[in-house]
């Protein structure tokens, strides 16, 4: 299973209902429910809030981001392309702290946010088949 604790996330800026009023704020995953449906996010002011996985954004994998931005190069502003290229390079070789900063860079405007991030729920769906295979091999998938 992908280790989610400590992973940087961004509360979706367009989230319509957020009792914690943290739309557009960056945080870190501090707890994950057993079924991975509810995520607890810690913020820099030491507050915590619970979110569904589709309310949180994470950075796309490096290869996916690079492919998407190269495919849309003609429709993109030069500054947005430079920002996305920098984020892509950080994802490929950056430290965890740099990757956290890259999430902040992605949130700079709507276009970079759209290209550089994906809902956490989508990211988990991509990892589930691998997780099931590993669990089955360990005898936990029965």
N, C-alpha and C. Protein backbone atom coordinates (compact mmCIF):
# COMPACT_ATOMS: atom_id res chain seq x y z
N UNK A 1 0.85 -1.18 0.00
CA UNK A 1 0.00 0.00 0.00
C UNK A 1 0.89 1.24 0.00
N UNK A 2 0.50 2.20 -0.80
CA UNK A 2 1.22 3.47 -0.86
C UNK A 2 1.15 4.15 0.50
N UNK A 3 2.28 4.60 0.99
CA UNK A 3 2.30 5.29 2.28
C UNK A 3 1.86 6.73 2.07
N UNK A 4 0.70 7.06 2.60
CA UNK A 4 0.14 8.39 2.39
C UNK A 4 0.50 9.36 3.51
N UNK A 5 0.85 8.87 4.67
CA UNK A 5 1.16 9.75 5.80
C UNK A 5 2.34 10.64 5.43
N UNK A 6 2.16 11.94 5.64
CA UNK A 6 3.22 12.90 5.33
C UNK A 6 3.16 13.45 3.91
N UNK A 7 2.26 12.93 3.10
CA UNK A 7 2.16 13.38 1.71
C UNK A 7 1.50 14.76 1.67
N UNK A 8 2.11 15.69 0.94
CA UNK A 8 1.50 17.02 0.82
C UNK A 8 0.24 16.98 -0.05
N UNK A 9 -0.78 17.71 0.37
CA UNK A 9 -2.04 17.79 -0.36
C UNK A 9 -2.51 19.24 -0.36
N UNK A 10 -3.40 19.53 -1.28
CA UNK A 10 -4.02 20.84 -1.38
C UNK A 10 -5.52 20.63 -1.31
N UNK A 11 -6.18 21.34 -0.40
CA UNK A 11 -7.64 21.26 -0.35
C UNK A 11 -8.15 21.95 -1.61
N UNK A 12 -9.00 21.26 -2.33
CA UNK A 12 -9.49 21.77 -3.61
C UNK A 12 -10.02 23.19 -3.44
N UNK A 13 -9.51 24.14 -4.24
CA UNK A 13 -9.94 25.53 -4.11
C UNK A 13 -11.42 25.76 -4.41
N UNK A 14 -12.04 24.87 -5.18
CA UNK A 14 -13.44 25.03 -5.55
C UNK A 14 -14.37 24.17 -4.69
N UNK A 15 -13.85 23.65 -3.59
CA UNK A 15 -14.66 22.84 -2.69
C UNK A 15 -15.80 23.70 -2.15
N UNK A 16 -17.02 23.25 -2.35
CA UNK A 16 -18.17 24.08 -1.98
C UNK A 16 -18.51 24.00 -0.50
N UNK A 17 -18.29 22.86 0.11
CA UNK A 17 -18.59 22.71 1.53
C UNK A 17 -17.33 22.28 2.27
N UNK A 18 -16.83 23.15 3.11
CA UNK A 18 -15.64 22.85 3.90
C UNK A 18 -15.81 23.48 5.28
N UNK A 19 -16.25 22.70 6.26
CA UNK A 19 -16.46 23.25 7.60
C UNK A 19 -15.20 23.91 8.19
N UNK A 20 -14.03 23.44 7.77
CA UNK A 20 -12.78 24.02 8.27
C UNK A 20 -12.39 25.28 7.49
N UNK A 21 -13.09 25.56 6.40
CA UNK A 21 -12.82 26.73 5.56
C UNK A 21 -11.36 26.79 5.11
N UNK A 22 -10.88 25.69 4.56
CA UNK A 22 -9.49 25.58 4.12
C UNK A 22 -9.34 25.43 2.61
N UNK A 23 -10.33 25.82 1.83
CA UNK A 23 -10.22 25.72 0.39
C UNK A 23 -8.96 26.44 -0.08
N UNK A 24 -8.17 25.74 -0.91
CA UNK A 24 -6.95 26.32 -1.46
C UNK A 24 -5.75 26.28 -0.53
N UNK A 25 -5.90 25.72 0.67
CA UNK A 25 -4.79 25.63 1.61
C UNK A 25 -4.03 24.33 1.45
N UNK A 26 -2.75 24.40 1.68
CA UNK A 26 -1.89 23.24 1.59
C UNK A 26 -1.74 22.62 2.97
N UNK A 27 -1.72 21.30 3.02
CA UNK A 27 -1.53 20.58 4.27
C UNK A 27 -0.80 19.28 4.03
N UNK A 28 -0.76 18.47 5.06
CA UNK A 28 -0.08 17.18 5.00
C UNK A 28 -1.00 16.11 5.56
N UNK A 29 -1.01 14.95 4.92
CA UNK A 29 -1.84 13.86 5.40
C UNK A 29 -1.28 13.36 6.73
N UNK A 30 -2.14 13.35 7.76
CA UNK A 30 -1.69 12.91 9.07
C UNK A 30 -2.34 11.59 9.51
N UNK A 31 -3.46 11.23 8.89
CA UNK A 31 -4.13 9.96 9.22
C UNK A 31 -5.01 9.55 8.04
N UNK A 32 -5.10 8.25 7.83
CA UNK A 32 -5.91 7.70 6.74
C UNK A 32 -6.84 6.64 7.34
N UNK A 33 -8.12 6.70 7.01
CA UNK A 33 -9.05 5.69 7.51
C UNK A 33 -8.70 4.34 6.88
N UNK A 34 -9.17 3.31 7.52
CA UNK A 34 -8.87 1.95 7.07
C UNK A 34 -9.23 1.72 5.61
N UNK A 35 -10.38 2.23 5.18
CA UNK A 35 -10.82 2.04 3.80
C UNK A 35 -10.30 3.12 2.85
N UNK A 36 -9.48 4.02 3.36
CA UNK A 36 -8.86 5.10 2.60
C UNK A 36 -9.90 6.04 1.97
N UNK A 37 -11.03 6.18 2.62
CA UNK A 37 -12.08 7.08 2.13
C UNK A 37 -12.04 8.42 2.83
N UNK A 38 -11.57 8.44 4.06
CA UNK A 38 -11.50 9.67 4.85
C UNK A 38 -10.05 9.93 5.22
N UNK A 39 -9.62 11.14 4.94
CA UNK A 39 -8.22 11.54 5.16
C UNK A 39 -8.20 12.69 6.16
N UNK A 40 -7.33 12.57 7.15
CA UNK A 40 -7.12 13.69 8.07
C UNK A 40 -5.92 14.49 7.57
N UNK A 41 -6.11 15.81 7.45
CA UNK A 41 -5.06 16.69 6.96
C UNK A 41 -4.65 17.63 8.08
N UNK A 42 -3.34 17.75 8.28
CA UNK A 42 -2.78 18.69 9.24
C UNK A 42 -2.30 19.92 8.48
N UNK A 43 -2.54 21.08 9.07
CA UNK A 43 -2.14 22.34 8.45
C UNK A 43 -1.01 22.98 9.27
N UNK A 44 -0.37 23.98 8.70
CA UNK A 44 0.80 24.60 9.33
C UNK A 44 0.49 25.26 10.67
N UNK A 45 -0.78 25.61 10.90
CA UNK A 45 -1.15 26.22 12.18
C UNK A 45 -1.53 25.17 13.23
N UNK A 46 -1.19 23.91 12.98
CA UNK A 46 -1.43 22.77 13.87
C UNK A 46 -2.90 22.34 13.92
N UNK A 47 -3.76 22.94 13.13
CA UNK A 47 -5.15 22.47 13.07
C UNK A 47 -5.23 21.26 12.15
N UNK A 48 -6.31 20.50 12.33
CA UNK A 48 -6.53 19.30 11.52
C UNK A 48 -7.98 19.28 11.07
N UNK A 49 -8.22 18.65 9.92
CA UNK A 49 -9.58 18.53 9.41
C UNK A 49 -9.69 17.25 8.59
N UNK A 50 -10.89 16.72 8.49
CA UNK A 50 -11.17 15.50 7.75
C UNK A 50 -11.73 15.83 6.37
N UNK A 51 -11.26 15.07 5.36
CA UNK A 51 -11.70 15.28 3.98
C UNK A 51 -11.89 13.95 3.27
N UNK A 52 -12.79 13.95 2.31
CA UNK A 52 -12.91 12.82 1.39
C UNK A 52 -11.75 12.91 0.41
N UNK A 53 -11.37 11.79 -0.16
CA UNK A 53 -10.21 11.77 -1.05
C UNK A 53 -10.39 12.62 -2.30
N UNK A 54 -11.63 12.82 -2.74
CA UNK A 54 -11.84 13.63 -3.94
C UNK A 54 -11.82 15.13 -3.65
N UNK A 55 -11.73 15.51 -2.37
CA UNK A 55 -11.64 16.93 -2.00
C UNK A 55 -10.20 17.41 -1.89
N UNK A 56 -9.26 16.48 -2.05
CA UNK A 56 -7.84 16.81 -1.92
C UNK A 56 -7.12 16.61 -3.24
N UNK A 57 -6.22 17.52 -3.54
CA UNK A 57 -5.42 17.45 -4.77
C UNK A 57 -3.98 17.09 -4.42
N UNK A 58 -3.37 16.28 -5.28
CA UNK A 58 -1.95 15.93 -5.17
C UNK A 58 -1.29 16.18 -6.52
N UNK A 59 0.01 16.26 -6.52
CA UNK A 59 0.73 16.43 -7.79
C UNK A 59 0.66 15.16 -8.61
N UNK A 60 0.55 15.33 -9.91
CA UNK A 60 0.57 14.19 -10.82
C UNK A 60 1.96 13.57 -10.81
N UNK A 61 2.07 12.31 -11.19
CA UNK A 61 3.40 11.73 -11.37
C UNK A 61 4.16 12.50 -12.46
N UNK A 62 5.47 12.52 -12.33
CA UNK A 62 6.32 13.28 -13.25
C UNK A 62 6.02 12.98 -14.71
N UNK A 63 5.99 11.70 -15.08
CA UNK A 63 5.82 11.34 -16.50
C UNK A 63 4.46 11.78 -17.04
N UNK A 64 3.43 11.71 -16.21
CA UNK A 64 2.10 12.13 -16.64
C UNK A 64 2.03 13.65 -16.82
N UNK A 65 2.59 14.38 -15.88
CA UNK A 65 2.61 15.84 -15.98
C UNK A 65 3.38 16.27 -17.23
N UNK A 66 4.53 15.69 -17.45
CA UNK A 66 5.36 16.06 -18.61
C UNK A 66 4.61 15.77 -19.92
N UNK A 67 3.98 14.62 -20.01
CA UNK A 67 3.22 14.26 -21.22
C UNK A 67 2.08 15.25 -21.45
N UNK A 68 1.34 15.57 -20.40
CA UNK A 68 0.20 16.48 -20.53
C UNK A 68 0.63 17.88 -20.95
N UNK A 69 1.70 18.38 -20.34
CA UNK A 69 2.10 19.75 -20.66
C UNK A 69 2.72 19.83 -22.05
N UNK A 70 3.41 18.81 -22.49
CA UNK A 70 3.96 18.83 -23.85
C UNK A 70 2.84 18.73 -24.88
N UNK A 71 1.78 18.02 -24.56
CA UNK A 71 0.65 17.91 -25.47
C UNK A 71 -0.14 19.20 -25.61
N UNK A 72 -0.05 20.07 -24.61
CA UNK A 72 -0.81 21.33 -24.63
C UNK A 72 0.09 22.54 -24.76
N UNK A 73 1.30 22.34 -25.18
CA UNK A 73 2.30 23.41 -25.26
C UNK A 73 1.81 24.61 -26.06
N UNK A 74 1.15 24.39 -27.19
CA UNK A 74 0.71 25.48 -28.06
C UNK A 74 -0.37 26.36 -27.42
N UNK A 75 -1.16 25.79 -26.52
CA UNK A 75 -2.25 26.54 -25.90
C UNK A 75 -1.86 27.17 -24.56
N UNK A 76 -0.61 27.04 -24.17
CA UNK A 76 -0.19 27.45 -22.84
C UNK A 76 0.63 28.74 -22.86
N UNK A 77 0.43 29.55 -21.84
CA UNK A 77 1.26 30.74 -21.66
C UNK A 77 2.69 30.31 -21.34
N UNK A 78 3.66 31.08 -21.81
CA UNK A 78 5.07 30.74 -21.60
C UNK A 78 5.41 30.62 -20.12
N UNK A 79 4.91 31.53 -19.29
CA UNK A 79 5.23 31.49 -17.86
C UNK A 79 4.64 30.25 -17.20
N UNK A 80 3.43 29.86 -17.60
CA UNK A 80 2.83 28.65 -17.04
C UNK A 80 3.63 27.42 -17.45
N UNK A 81 4.10 27.40 -18.69
CA UNK A 81 4.92 26.27 -19.14
C UNK A 81 6.20 26.18 -18.32
N UNK A 82 6.85 27.31 -18.08
CA UNK A 82 8.07 27.32 -17.29
C UNK A 82 7.81 26.82 -15.87
N UNK A 83 6.72 27.25 -15.28
CA UNK A 83 6.37 26.80 -13.93
C UNK A 83 6.13 25.29 -13.92
N UNK A 84 5.37 24.80 -14.90
CA UNK A 84 5.09 23.37 -14.96
C UNK A 84 6.35 22.55 -15.23
N UNK A 85 7.24 23.07 -16.04
CA UNK A 85 8.49 22.38 -16.31
C UNK A 85 9.33 22.30 -15.03
N UNK A 86 9.36 23.36 -14.27
CA UNK A 86 10.08 23.36 -13.00
C UNK A 86 9.47 22.35 -12.03
N UNK A 87 8.14 22.32 -11.95
CA UNK A 87 7.46 21.35 -11.10
C UNK A 87 7.80 19.93 -11.54
N UNK A 88 7.79 19.69 -12.84
CA UNK A 88 8.11 18.38 -13.38
C UNK A 88 9.53 17.95 -13.00
N UNK A 89 10.47 18.86 -13.08
CA UNK A 89 11.86 18.54 -12.71
C UNK A 89 11.97 18.24 -11.21
N UNK A 90 11.23 18.98 -10.40
CA UNK A 90 11.24 18.72 -8.95
C UNK A 90 10.65 17.34 -8.67
N UNK A 91 9.56 17.00 -9.37
CA UNK A 91 8.95 15.69 -9.15
C UNK A 91 9.90 14.55 -9.52
N UNK A 92 10.72 14.79 -10.50
CA UNK A 92 11.64 13.75 -10.94
C UNK A 92 12.82 13.58 -9.98
N UNK A 93 13.35 14.70 -9.46
CA UNK A 93 14.59 14.61 -8.69
C UNK A 93 14.58 15.36 -7.37
N UNK A 94 13.48 15.98 -7.00
CA UNK A 94 13.46 16.84 -5.83
C UNK A 94 13.32 16.11 -4.51
N UNK A 95 13.66 16.83 -3.47
CA UNK A 95 13.50 16.33 -2.11
C UNK A 95 12.02 16.42 -1.72
N UNK A 96 11.62 15.75 -0.65
CA UNK A 96 10.23 15.88 -0.20
C UNK A 96 9.85 17.35 0.09
N UNK A 97 10.75 18.12 0.64
CA UNK A 97 10.45 19.54 0.92
C UNK A 97 10.25 20.30 -0.39
N UNK A 98 11.08 20.04 -1.40
CA UNK A 98 10.94 20.69 -2.69
C UNK A 98 9.62 20.28 -3.35
N UNK A 99 9.23 19.03 -3.17
CA UNK A 99 7.96 18.58 -3.75
C UNK A 99 6.78 19.26 -3.07
N UNK A 100 6.90 19.52 -1.78
CA UNK A 100 5.86 20.27 -1.09
C UNK A 100 5.79 21.69 -1.63
N UNK A 101 6.95 22.31 -1.87
CA UNK A 101 6.99 23.65 -2.46
C UNK A 101 6.40 23.64 -3.87
N UNK A 102 6.63 22.55 -4.61
CA UNK A 102 6.10 22.43 -5.97
C UNK A 102 4.58 22.43 -5.97
N UNK A 103 3.98 21.86 -4.95
CA UNK A 103 2.51 21.89 -4.85
C UNK A 103 2.03 23.32 -4.68
N UNK A 104 2.76 24.10 -3.91
CA UNK A 104 2.43 25.52 -3.77
C UNK A 104 2.59 26.27 -5.08
N UNK A 105 3.62 25.92 -5.85
CA UNK A 105 3.82 26.54 -7.17
C UNK A 105 2.66 26.20 -8.10
N UNK A 106 2.19 24.97 -8.02
CA UNK A 106 1.10 24.53 -8.89
C UNK A 106 -0.18 25.31 -8.60
N UNK A 107 -0.35 25.72 -7.36
CA UNK A 107 -1.57 26.43 -6.96
C UNK A 107 -1.55 27.91 -7.35
N UNK A 108 -0.50 28.35 -8.04
CA UNK A 108 -0.33 29.76 -8.38
C UNK A 108 -1.47 30.30 -9.24
N UNK A 109 -1.97 29.49 -10.16
CA UNK A 109 -3.10 29.92 -10.99
C UNK A 109 -3.88 28.69 -11.46
N UNK A 110 -5.02 28.95 -12.05
CA UNK A 110 -5.92 27.87 -12.44
C UNK A 110 -5.31 26.92 -13.46
N UNK A 111 -4.56 27.45 -14.42
CA UNK A 111 -4.00 26.59 -15.46
C UNK A 111 -2.92 25.66 -14.91
N UNK A 112 -2.00 26.19 -14.11
CA UNK A 112 -0.97 25.32 -13.55
C UNK A 112 -1.58 24.31 -12.58
N UNK A 113 -2.58 24.73 -11.85
CA UNK A 113 -3.25 23.81 -10.93
C UNK A 113 -3.91 22.67 -11.70
N UNK A 114 -4.59 22.99 -12.78
CA UNK A 114 -5.28 21.98 -13.60
C UNK A 114 -4.29 20.99 -14.22
N UNK A 115 -3.16 21.49 -14.70
CA UNK A 115 -2.20 20.61 -15.35
C UNK A 115 -1.37 19.79 -14.37
N UNK A 116 -1.02 20.36 -13.22
CA UNK A 116 -0.06 19.72 -12.33
C UNK A 116 -0.67 18.81 -11.28
N UNK A 117 -1.99 18.93 -11.04
CA UNK A 117 -2.58 18.15 -9.95
C UNK A 117 -3.68 17.22 -10.43
N UNK A 118 -4.02 16.32 -9.53
CA UNK A 118 -5.12 15.39 -9.74
C UNK A 118 -5.75 15.11 -8.37
N UNK A 119 -7.02 14.73 -8.35
CA UNK A 119 -7.63 14.39 -7.06
C UNK A 119 -6.92 13.19 -6.42
N UNK A 120 -6.78 13.21 -5.13
CA UNK A 120 -6.17 12.09 -4.43
C UNK A 120 -6.92 10.80 -4.72
N UNK A 121 -8.23 10.88 -4.86
CA UNK A 121 -9.02 9.67 -5.17
C UNK A 121 -8.56 9.02 -6.47
N UNK A 122 -8.23 9.82 -7.48
CA UNK A 122 -7.74 9.28 -8.76
C UNK A 122 -6.38 8.63 -8.58
N UNK A 123 -5.54 9.24 -7.79
CA UNK A 123 -4.20 8.70 -7.54
C UNK A 123 -4.31 7.35 -6.82
N UNK A 124 -5.24 7.25 -5.88
CA UNK A 124 -5.43 5.99 -5.16
C UNK A 124 -5.96 4.90 -6.08
N UNK A 125 -6.84 5.27 -7.01
CA UNK A 125 -7.37 4.29 -7.96
C UNK A 125 -6.26 3.72 -8.82
N UNK A 126 -5.26 4.53 -9.14
CA UNK A 126 -4.14 4.05 -9.95
C UNK A 126 -3.28 3.06 -9.18
N UNK A 127 -3.22 3.19 -7.86
CA UNK A 127 -2.37 2.31 -7.06
C UNK A 127 -3.09 1.08 -6.55
N UNK A 128 -4.42 1.07 -6.57
CA UNK A 128 -5.16 -0.06 -6.00
C UNK A 128 -4.85 -1.41 -6.63
N UNK A 129 -4.78 -1.55 -7.97
CA UNK A 129 -4.48 -2.87 -8.52
C UNK A 129 -3.16 -3.43 -8.00
N UNK A 130 -2.14 -2.58 -7.90
CA UNK A 130 -0.85 -3.04 -7.40
C UNK A 130 -0.99 -3.43 -5.93
N UNK A 131 -1.69 -2.64 -5.17
CA UNK A 131 -1.88 -2.92 -3.75
C UNK A 131 -2.58 -4.26 -3.55
N UNK A 132 -3.61 -4.53 -4.35
CA UNK A 132 -4.35 -5.78 -4.22
C UNK A 132 -3.44 -6.96 -4.52
N UNK A 133 -2.59 -6.84 -5.55
CA UNK A 133 -1.67 -7.92 -5.89
C UNK A 133 -0.71 -8.20 -4.75
N UNK A 134 -0.16 -7.15 -4.16
CA UNK A 134 0.78 -7.30 -3.05
C UNK A 134 0.07 -7.93 -1.86
N UNK A 135 -1.15 -7.46 -1.56
CA UNK A 135 -1.89 -8.01 -0.43
C UNK A 135 -2.21 -9.48 -0.67
N UNK A 136 -2.56 -9.84 -1.90
CA UNK A 136 -2.88 -11.22 -2.22
C UNK A 136 -1.65 -12.11 -2.02
N UNK A 137 -0.48 -11.62 -2.49
CA UNK A 137 0.75 -12.39 -2.34
C UNK A 137 1.10 -12.62 -0.87
N UNK A 138 0.78 -11.64 -0.02
CA UNK A 138 1.08 -11.74 1.40
C UNK A 138 -0.01 -12.49 2.15
N UNK A 139 -1.05 -12.94 1.45
CA UNK A 139 -2.13 -13.68 2.08
C UNK A 139 -3.15 -12.81 2.78
N UNK A 140 -3.14 -11.50 2.47
CA UNK A 140 -4.05 -10.59 3.14
C UNK A 140 -5.28 -10.29 2.30
N UNK A 141 -5.30 -10.73 1.06
CA UNK A 141 -6.39 -10.38 0.15
C UNK A 141 -7.50 -11.40 0.11
N UNK A 142 -7.56 -12.28 1.07
CA UNK A 142 -8.57 -13.34 1.06
C UNK A 142 -9.73 -13.00 1.91
